[in-house]
C-alpha cells in the first residue's frame, strides 16, 4: 500500500525551535503516511484504529504513543477521536538524548523499533497532567521571538513531558489488573448523560455493584472515583463545545449539567489547569508563521 511523506518545512518555522502542537478535534481517517520528524500522540478522547504497515491497533482515551521519522502509519475506524500531536524536529529530540537514555522507561517508549511501538496507558489524572503540559508547550512554542525565552521554556517543558510519560509508563509496567466488564456499560451510560450530574447511588443501581466495589473498580481502571470520572467527561465535552461552537461559556455550562457557571469554571480549571476562556484562546488562536 502506498504512502506519502509529511516534510518538516510544512510545520516548522525557519531558525526556530522545531516544535509544534496540533489539536486534531476531531481526527479524521488519515491514510498511510510518514514524516521527517518525530511525533508524540496523546489520545484525549474517542476511539479509532492506528494503522501500521504490519498491524493495526485499537486506540482509546488515555493512550500515548511515539512515532519516529520514516515510520509509516495512519488512522481508520474513527469514533469521535480527538488527538494532540506534538511534532518534534530531530534537533529538538536529540539535544539531550544521552541524558534521556538513562531515564527509566525512555528506551522502551521512545527508542523502540517500528515493529514494537509501545502504547502507554494513562489514568484520568495522568491524562489531565499530560494535557496541561501539552498546552504549555503549545503556548511557548508559538510565542518564539528573539530574546523572550519562549523556545527555552518550550524545550524544557518538552523534556518534562517525555520524562513524565516515562514515569507513568514504568509505574504501570508489571501491574496486573483485570477490568470488570461491567465498567464499559457504566461508562457508556455516563456518556449518554453528559448534560447532567449523576450520583453514586444512581450508578450503583445501573451497575448492580456495591458502592465500595464500584469505587474500587473505577479507581483501578481510571484513577478517578465514578462521580469524578463523570465530571471529567463532562469537562471534556465542554472543551469540545468551546472549540467547535460559538456558544457562550454560560450556555456550555448549562449544556454540560453545571447550573452554576462559577462552579463550572472552577471544575474546568481543576481538570484543565486553565479557565474555559483561556482554553478557547489557546486552542483557537491562529499560529503566526
Protein backbone atom coordinates (compact mmCIF):
# COMPACT_ATOMS: atom_id res chain seq x y z
CA UNK A 1 0.00 0.00 0.00
CA UNK A 2 1.44 3.40 -0.98
CA UNK A 3 2.07 6.26 1.44
CA UNK A 4 3.28 9.84 1.32
CA UNK A 5 5.73 11.94 3.36
CA UNK A 6 5.00 15.00 5.51
CA UNK A 7 8.02 17.31 5.38
CA UNK A 8 9.42 19.39 8.23
CA UNK A 9 9.09 22.64 6.26
CA UNK A 10 5.30 22.19 6.32
CA UNK A 11 5.18 22.64 10.11
CA UNK A 12 8.33 24.28 11.50
CA UNK A 13 9.44 27.90 11.11
CA UNK A 14 12.95 28.51 9.85
CA UNK A 15 15.53 29.40 12.52
CA UNK A 16 13.12 28.46 15.32
CA UNK A 17 12.98 25.51 17.69
CA UNK A 18 11.36 22.72 15.61
CA UNK A 19 8.45 22.03 17.93
CA UNK A 20 4.73 22.32 17.22
CA UNK A 21 1.48 21.12 18.82
CA UNK A 22 -1.55 20.22 16.69
CA UNK A 23 -5.03 19.67 18.09
CA UNK A 24 -6.93 17.11 15.98
CA UNK A 25 -10.55 17.60 17.04
CA UNK A 26 -11.88 15.51 15.60
CA UNK A 27 -9.24 13.42 13.92
CA UNK A 28 -10.36 12.16 10.52
CA UNK A 29 -9.43 8.94 8.73
CA UNK A 30 -5.81 9.51 7.65
CA UNK A 31 -4.24 7.29 5.00
CA UNK A 32 -0.79 5.79 5.46
CA UNK A 33 1.94 8.41 5.66
CA UNK A 34 5.30 9.11 7.29
CA UNK A 35 7.15 12.23 8.41
CA UNK A 36 10.64 13.68 8.51
CA UNK A 37 10.15 14.48 12.21
CA UNK A 38 9.13 12.75 15.44
CA UNK A 39 5.51 12.72 16.59
CA UNK A 40 4.23 12.20 20.12
CA UNK A 41 0.50 11.42 20.05
CA UNK A 42 -1.87 11.77 23.02
CA UNK A 43 -5.39 10.35 22.68
CA UNK A 44 -7.62 12.80 24.56
CA UNK A 45 -10.95 11.07 23.86
CA UNK A 46 -12.85 8.85 21.44
CA UNK A 47 -11.86 5.65 19.66
CA UNK A 48 -10.16 4.62 16.45
CA UNK A 49 -7.65 2.29 14.86
CA UNK A 50 -3.97 3.08 14.48
CA UNK A 51 -2.65 1.63 11.24
CA UNK A 52 0.92 0.43 10.87
CA UNK A 53 2.45 -1.44 7.96
CA UNK A 54 2.48 -4.76 9.79
CA UNK A 55 -0.50 -4.43 12.12
CA UNK A 56 -3.36 -2.27 13.38
CA UNK A 57 -4.14 -1.39 16.99
CA UNK A 58 -7.27 -0.04 18.70
CA UNK A 59 -6.97 3.43 20.26
CA UNK A 60 -8.94 4.92 23.14
CA UNK A 61 -8.77 7.78 25.63
CA UNK A 62 -5.59 7.97 27.69
CA UNK A 63 -3.24 6.25 25.24
CA UNK A 64 0.11 7.80 24.28
CA UNK A 65 2.49 6.62 21.58
CA UNK A 66 5.59 7.86 19.78
CA UNK A 67 6.26 7.79 16.05
CA UNK A 68 9.79 8.11 14.67
CA UNK A 69 10.78 9.68 11.32
CA UNK A 70 10.10 7.32 8.43
CA UNK A 71 7.55 5.20 10.29
CA UNK A 72 4.51 4.60 8.07
CA UNK A 73 1.19 4.88 9.91
CA UNK A 74 -2.38 6.19 9.64
CA UNK A 75 -5.85 6.18 11.26
CA UNK A 76 -9.15 4.45 10.47
CA UNK A 77 -12.47 3.44 12.12
CA UNK A 78 -12.78 6.86 13.75
CA UNK A 79 -15.38 7.36 16.50
CA UNK A 80 -15.06 10.87 17.93
CA UNK A 81 -11.28 10.53 18.10
CA UNK A 82 -9.51 13.62 19.50
CA UNK A 83 -5.71 13.73 19.38
CA UNK A 84 -2.98 16.09 20.48
CA UNK A 85 0.08 15.73 18.24
CA UNK A 86 3.41 17.06 19.48
CA UNK A 87 5.65 17.38 16.40
CA UNK A 88 9.35 17.33 17.29
CA UNK A 89 12.20 18.06 14.89
CA UNK A 90 15.29 15.86 15.07
CA UNK A 91 17.33 18.74 16.53
CA UNK A 92 14.88 19.16 19.42
CA UNK A 93 14.61 15.43 20.13
CA UNK A 94 18.33 14.60 20.03
CA UNK A 95 19.59 17.59 22.06
CA UNK A 96 19.60 15.75 25.43
CA UNK A 97 19.35 12.19 24.14
CA UNK A 98 22.39 10.89 26.08
CA UNK A 99 20.83 12.05 29.36
CA UNK A 100 17.33 10.90 28.42
CA UNK A 101 18.58 7.39 27.62
CA UNK A 102 19.31 6.99 31.31
CA UNK A 103 15.70 7.72 32.32
CA UNK A 104 13.84 4.54 33.28
CA UNK A 105 11.40 3.58 30.52
CA UNK A 106 12.77 6.03 27.93
CA UNK A 107 14.26 3.36 25.66
CA UNK A 108 11.03 1.35 25.76
CA UNK A 109 8.72 4.29 24.99
CA UNK A 110 10.83 6.44 22.65
CA UNK A 111 13.54 4.24 21.09
CA UNK A 112 11.74 1.02 20.15
CA UNK A 113 11.81 -0.44 16.65
CA UNK A 114 8.79 0.30 14.46
CA UNK A 115 7.55 -3.28 14.85
CA UNK A 116 7.30 -2.93 18.62
CA UNK A 117 5.87 0.54 19.28
CA UNK A 118 4.50 0.60 22.84
CA UNK A 119 1.18 2.12 23.83
CA UNK A 120 1.39 3.95 27.15
CA UNK A 121 -1.90 3.82 29.09
CA UNK A 122 -2.68 6.81 31.33
CA UNK A 123 -5.19 7.15 34.13
CA UNK A 124 -7.60 10.07 34.11
CA UNK A 125 -5.43 12.12 36.48
CA UNK A 126 -2.30 11.37 34.47
CA UNK A 127 -4.00 12.35 31.21
CA UNK A 128 -5.04 15.70 32.68
CA UNK A 129 -1.46 16.34 33.79
CA UNK A 130 -0.09 15.43 30.36
CA UNK A 131 -2.63 17.61 28.51
CA UNK A 132 -1.76 20.55 30.75
CA UNK A 133 1.90 20.22 29.76
CA UNK A 134 0.98 19.87 26.08
CA UNK A 135 -0.98 23.11 26.31
CA UNK A 136 2.00 24.86 27.90
CA UNK A 137 4.29 23.59 25.13
CA UNK A 138 1.88 24.90 22.50
CA UNK A 139 1.77 28.34 24.13
CA UNK A 140 5.55 28.72 24.40
CA UNK A 141 6.42 27.14 21.03
CA UNK A 142 4.09 29.56 19.24
CA UNK A 143 5.49 32.59 21.08
CA UNK A 144 9.10 32.23 19.96
CA UNK A 145 10.58 35.70 19.49
CA UNK A 146 14.23 36.64 19.79
CA UNK A 147 15.26 37.08 23.40
CA UNK A 148 11.94 36.26 25.10
CA UNK A 149 12.97 32.78 26.30
CA UNK A 150 9.91 31.04 24.85
CA UNK A 151 11.98 28.48 22.92
CA UNK A 152 13.93 27.53 26.04
CA UNK A 153 10.72 27.19 28.07
CA UNK A 154 9.05 25.12 25.34
CA UNK A 155 12.07 22.81 25.19
CA UNK A 156 12.21 22.46 28.98
CA UNK A 157 8.53 21.53 29.06
CA UNK A 158 9.07 19.02 26.24
CA UNK A 159 11.77 17.31 28.32
CA UNK A 160 9.43 17.37 31.31
CA UNK A 161 6.66 15.83 29.19
CA UNK A 162 8.83 12.96 27.95
CA UNK A 163 10.19 12.20 31.42
CA UNK A 164 6.70 12.30 32.95
CA UNK A 165 5.41 9.85 30.32
CA UNK A 166 8.31 7.53 31.13
CA UNK A 167 7.47 7.68 34.83
CA UNK A 168 3.82 6.91 34.18
CA UNK A 169 4.84 4.03 31.91
CA UNK A 170 7.22 2.45 34.43
CA UNK A 171 4.73 2.91 37.30
CA UNK A 172 2.13 0.81 35.44
CA UNK A 173 4.51 -1.76 33.93
CA UNK A 174 4.06 -5.15 35.51
CA UNK A 175 0.76 -4.22 37.14
CA UNK A 176 -1.77 -6.99 36.70
CA UNK A 177 -5.36 -5.74 36.60
CA UNK A 178 -8.43 -7.40 35.12
CA UNK A 179 -11.10 -4.80 34.34
CA UNK A 180 -14.65 -5.67 35.32
CA UNK A 181 -16.58 -5.92 32.02
CA UNK A 182 -19.49 -4.01 33.58
CA UNK A 183 -17.38 -0.84 33.67
CA UNK A 184 -17.76 -0.26 29.93
CA UNK A 185 -21.55 -0.37 30.27
CA UNK A 186 -21.40 2.16 33.10
CA UNK A 187 -19.10 4.45 31.12
CA UNK A 188 -21.47 4.20 28.14
CA UNK A 189 -24.32 5.21 30.45
CA UNK A 190 -22.28 8.19 31.63
CA UNK A 191 -21.56 9.24 28.04
CA UNK A 192 -25.30 9.37 27.34
CA UNK A 193 -25.81 11.75 30.25
CA UNK A 194 -23.12 14.40 29.88
CA UNK A 195 -25.82 17.07 30.19
CA UNK A 196 -26.41 16.48 33.91
CA UNK A 197 -24.78 15.26 37.09
CA UNK A 198 -25.04 11.61 38.14
CA UNK A 199 -24.96 10.49 41.76
CA UNK A 200 -23.11 7.48 43.10
CA UNK A 201 -26.46 5.98 44.13
CA UNK A 202 -27.72 6.16 40.54
CA UNK A 203 -24.57 4.46 39.25
CA UNK A 204 -24.84 1.73 41.87
CA UNK A 205 -28.36 1.00 40.61
CA UNK A 206 -27.20 0.88 36.98
CA UNK A 207 -24.13 -1.26 37.66
CA UNK A 208 -25.58 -3.78 40.13
CA UNK A 209 -22.37 -3.34 42.15
CA UNK A 210 -22.00 -2.18 45.70
CA UNK A 211 -20.75 1.37 46.17
CA UNK A 212 -17.41 0.13 47.53
CA UNK A 213 -16.85 -2.27 44.60
CA UNK A 214 -17.82 0.36 42.06
CA UNK A 215 -15.46 2.90 43.60
CA UNK A 216 -12.59 0.42 43.77
CA UNK A 217 -13.02 -0.79 40.18
CA UNK A 218 -13.23 2.74 38.81
CA UNK A 219 -10.15 3.93 40.65
CA UNK A 220 -8.16 0.91 39.48
CA UNK A 221 -9.25 1.41 35.88
CA UNK A 222 -9.30 5.22 35.52
CA UNK A 223 -7.67 6.75 38.58
CA UNK A 224 -10.96 8.55 39.36
CA UNK A 225 -13.97 7.84 41.51
CA UNK A 226 -17.12 7.21 39.39
CA UNK A 227 -18.60 10.67 40.11
CA UNK A 228 -15.28 12.44 39.47
CA UNK A 229 -14.81 10.48 36.24
CA UNK A 230 -18.24 11.64 35.04
CA UNK A 231 -17.33 15.25 35.87
CA UNK A 232 -14.11 14.74 33.90
CA UNK A 233 -16.06 13.51 30.87
CA UNK A 234 -18.47 16.48 31.13
CA UNK A 235 -15.49 18.83 31.21
CA UNK A 236 -14.04 17.05 28.16
CA UNK A 237 -17.38 17.55 26.37
CA UNK A 238 -17.37 21.20 27.42
CA UNK A 239 -13.88 21.65 25.98
CA UNK A 240 -15.10 20.26 22.66
CA UNK A 241 -18.06 22.67 22.66
CA UNK A 242 -15.71 25.57 23.39
CA UNK A 243 -13.71 24.80 20.26
CA UNK A 244 -16.46 23.70 17.87
CA UNK A 245 -19.36 26.06 18.64
CA UNK A 246 -19.98 29.75 19.26
CA UNK A 247 -21.93 29.07 22.44
CA UNK A 248 -21.22 31.29 25.42
CA UNK A 249 -19.42 29.85 28.43
CA UNK A 250 -22.66 30.18 30.42
CA UNK A 251 -24.59 28.17 27.80
CA UNK A 252 -21.89 25.50 27.64
CA UNK A 253 -22.04 25.30 31.43
CA UNK A 254 -25.77 24.59 31.20
CA UNK A 255 -25.40 22.04 28.37
CA UNK A 256 -22.89 20.04 30.42
CA UNK A 257 -25.02 19.99 33.55
CA UNK A 258 -23.39 22.75 35.58
CA UNK A 259 -26.18 25.09 36.66
CA UNK A 260 -23.70 27.43 38.32
CA UNK A 261 -21.24 28.97 35.82
CA UNK A 262 -18.77 29.78 38.61
CA UNK A 263 -18.74 26.15 39.77
CA UNK A 264 -18.26 25.07 36.14
CA UNK A 265 -15.29 27.43 35.79
CA UNK A 266 -13.70 26.05 38.98
CA UNK A 267 -14.16 22.45 37.82
CA UNK A 268 -12.80 23.29 34.37
CA UNK A 269 -9.69 24.90 35.86
CA UNK A 270 -9.21 21.93 38.20
CA UNK A 271 -9.26 19.47 35.30
CA UNK A 272 -7.61 21.53 32.54
CA UNK A 273 -5.31 23.79 34.62
CA UNK A 274 -6.75 26.89 32.92
CA UNK A 275 -10.05 28.74 32.67
CA UNK A 276 -12.57 27.97 29.88
CA UNK A 277 -11.76 31.31 28.25
CA UNK A 278 -8.01 30.65 28.36
CA UNK A 279 -8.55 27.19 26.90
CA UNK A 280 -10.58 28.56 23.98
CA UNK A 281 -7.99 31.26 23.30
CA UNK A 282 -5.08 28.80 23.46
CA UNK A 283 -6.54 26.29 21.01
CA UNK A 284 -8.30 28.63 18.57
CA UNK A 285 -5.82 31.48 18.16
CA UNK A 286 -4.14 31.09 14.75
CA UNK A 287 -0.41 30.41 14.76
CA UNK A 288 1.70 33.29 13.48
CA UNK A 289 4.02 31.77 10.88
